[in-house]
């Protein structure tokens, strides 16, 4: 297993600057969490939307060309779709 310094350096390349990510993600979450219907969403829906914010923040902090970020957004959306259909996750 690589040491934490190596891991952080790799993540900075693929995920962008952590401070920028935190700024964008928290601002996006403030918007979502202040929405009138936010409390009406179930936990899986809220969690997926929070994950979207993290992934969007990474996209905004980098070139936006990391396929994994886009793939993850699709994955979280698919999980919510399956949950709404009552499928086993």
Protein backbone atom coordinates (compact mmCIF):
# COMPACT_ATOMS: atom_id res chain seq x y z
CA UNK A 1 0.00 0.00 0.00
CA UNK A 2 1.43 3.43 -0.93
CA UNK A 3 2.10 5.96 1.79
CA UNK A 4 -0.45 8.73 2.30
CA UNK A 5 1.75 11.38 0.65
CA UNK A 6 1.84 9.37 -2.57
CA UNK A 7 -1.91 8.77 -2.43
CA UNK A 8 -2.65 12.46 -1.87
CA UNK A 9 -0.39 13.47 -4.75
CA UNK A 10 -2.14 11.01 -7.06
CA UNK A 11 -5.59 12.20 -5.96
CA UNK A 12 -4.61 15.83 -6.50
CA UNK A 13 -3.87 14.95 -10.12
CA UNK A 14 -7.14 13.10 -10.71
CA UNK A 15 -9.48 14.90 -8.28
CA UNK A 16 -8.13 18.44 -8.22
CA UNK A 17 -7.38 20.69 -5.28
CA UNK A 18 -9.14 19.55 -2.08
CA UNK A 19 -9.90 23.10 -0.95
CA UNK A 20 -11.52 23.94 -4.29
CA UNK A 21 -13.51 20.72 -4.17
CA UNK A 22 -14.71 21.46 -0.66
CA UNK A 23 -15.77 24.98 -1.63
CA UNK A 24 -17.74 23.90 -4.71
CA UNK A 25 -19.25 20.86 -3.03
CA UNK A 26 -20.40 22.70 0.08
CA UNK A 27 -21.94 25.52 -1.98
CA UNK A 28 -23.83 23.04 -4.13
CA UNK A 29 -25.04 21.17 -1.03
CA UNK A 30 -26.24 24.42 0.54
CA UNK A 31 -28.44 24.98 -2.50
CA UNK A 32 -29.82 21.45 -2.43
CA UNK A 33 -30.35 21.33 1.32
CA UNK A 34 -32.19 24.64 1.28
CA UNK A 35 -34.67 23.44 -1.34
CA UNK A 36 -38.24 23.40 -0.13
CA UNK A 37 -38.69 19.70 -0.98
CA UNK A 38 -35.34 18.48 0.40
CA UNK A 39 -36.94 17.12 3.60
CA UNK A 40 -39.43 15.14 1.48
CA UNK A 41 -36.65 13.12 -0.13
CA UNK A 42 -35.68 9.81 1.41
CA UNK A 43 -32.15 9.22 2.66
CA UNK A 44 -30.97 7.34 -0.45
CA UNK A 45 -32.11 10.24 -2.64
CA UNK A 46 -30.46 12.83 -0.40
CA UNK A 47 -27.25 10.84 -0.20
CA UNK A 48 -27.05 10.38 -3.96
CA UNK A 49 -27.56 14.11 -4.49
CA UNK A 50 -24.80 14.84 -1.97
CA UNK A 51 -22.51 12.47 -3.87
CA UNK A 52 -23.42 14.24 -7.10
CA UNK A 53 -22.21 17.48 -5.51
CA UNK A 54 -18.86 15.91 -4.66
CA UNK A 55 -18.43 14.57 -8.16
CA UNK A 56 -19.51 17.84 -9.77
CA UNK A 57 -17.01 19.67 -7.55
CA UNK A 58 -14.24 17.40 -8.79
CA UNK A 59 -15.29 18.00 -12.39
CA UNK A 60 -15.20 21.76 -11.79
CA UNK A 61 -11.77 21.51 -10.12
CA UNK A 62 -10.17 19.56 -12.96
CA UNK A 63 -10.40 19.30 -16.73
CA UNK A 64 -13.73 17.50 -16.42
CA UNK A 65 -12.30 14.65 -18.47
CA UNK A 66 -11.99 12.06 -15.70
CA UNK A 67 -14.43 9.42 -16.91
CA UNK A 68 -14.71 7.96 -13.41
CA UNK A 69 -16.42 11.11 -12.11
CA UNK A 70 -19.10 10.90 -14.80
CA UNK A 71 -19.40 7.15 -14.38
CA UNK A 72 -19.89 7.55 -10.62
CA UNK A 73 -22.70 10.08 -11.14
CA UNK A 74 -24.42 7.60 -13.45
CA UNK A 75 -23.89 4.88 -10.86
CA UNK A 76 -25.47 6.84 -8.01
CA UNK A 77 -28.41 7.76 -10.25
CA UNK A 78 -28.81 4.09 -11.15
CA UNK A 79 -28.79 3.08 -7.48
CA UNK A 80 -31.60 5.53 -6.73
CA UNK A 81 -33.54 4.29 -9.75
CA UNK A 82 -33.20 0.69 -8.54
CA UNK A 83 -34.15 1.71 -4.99
CA UNK A 84 -37.25 3.53 -6.27
CA UNK A 85 -38.23 0.37 -8.17
CA UNK A 86 -37.80 -1.68 -4.99
CA UNK A 87 -34.92 -3.67 -6.41
CA UNK A 88 -32.27 -5.20 -4.17
CA UNK A 89 -29.13 -3.07 -4.01
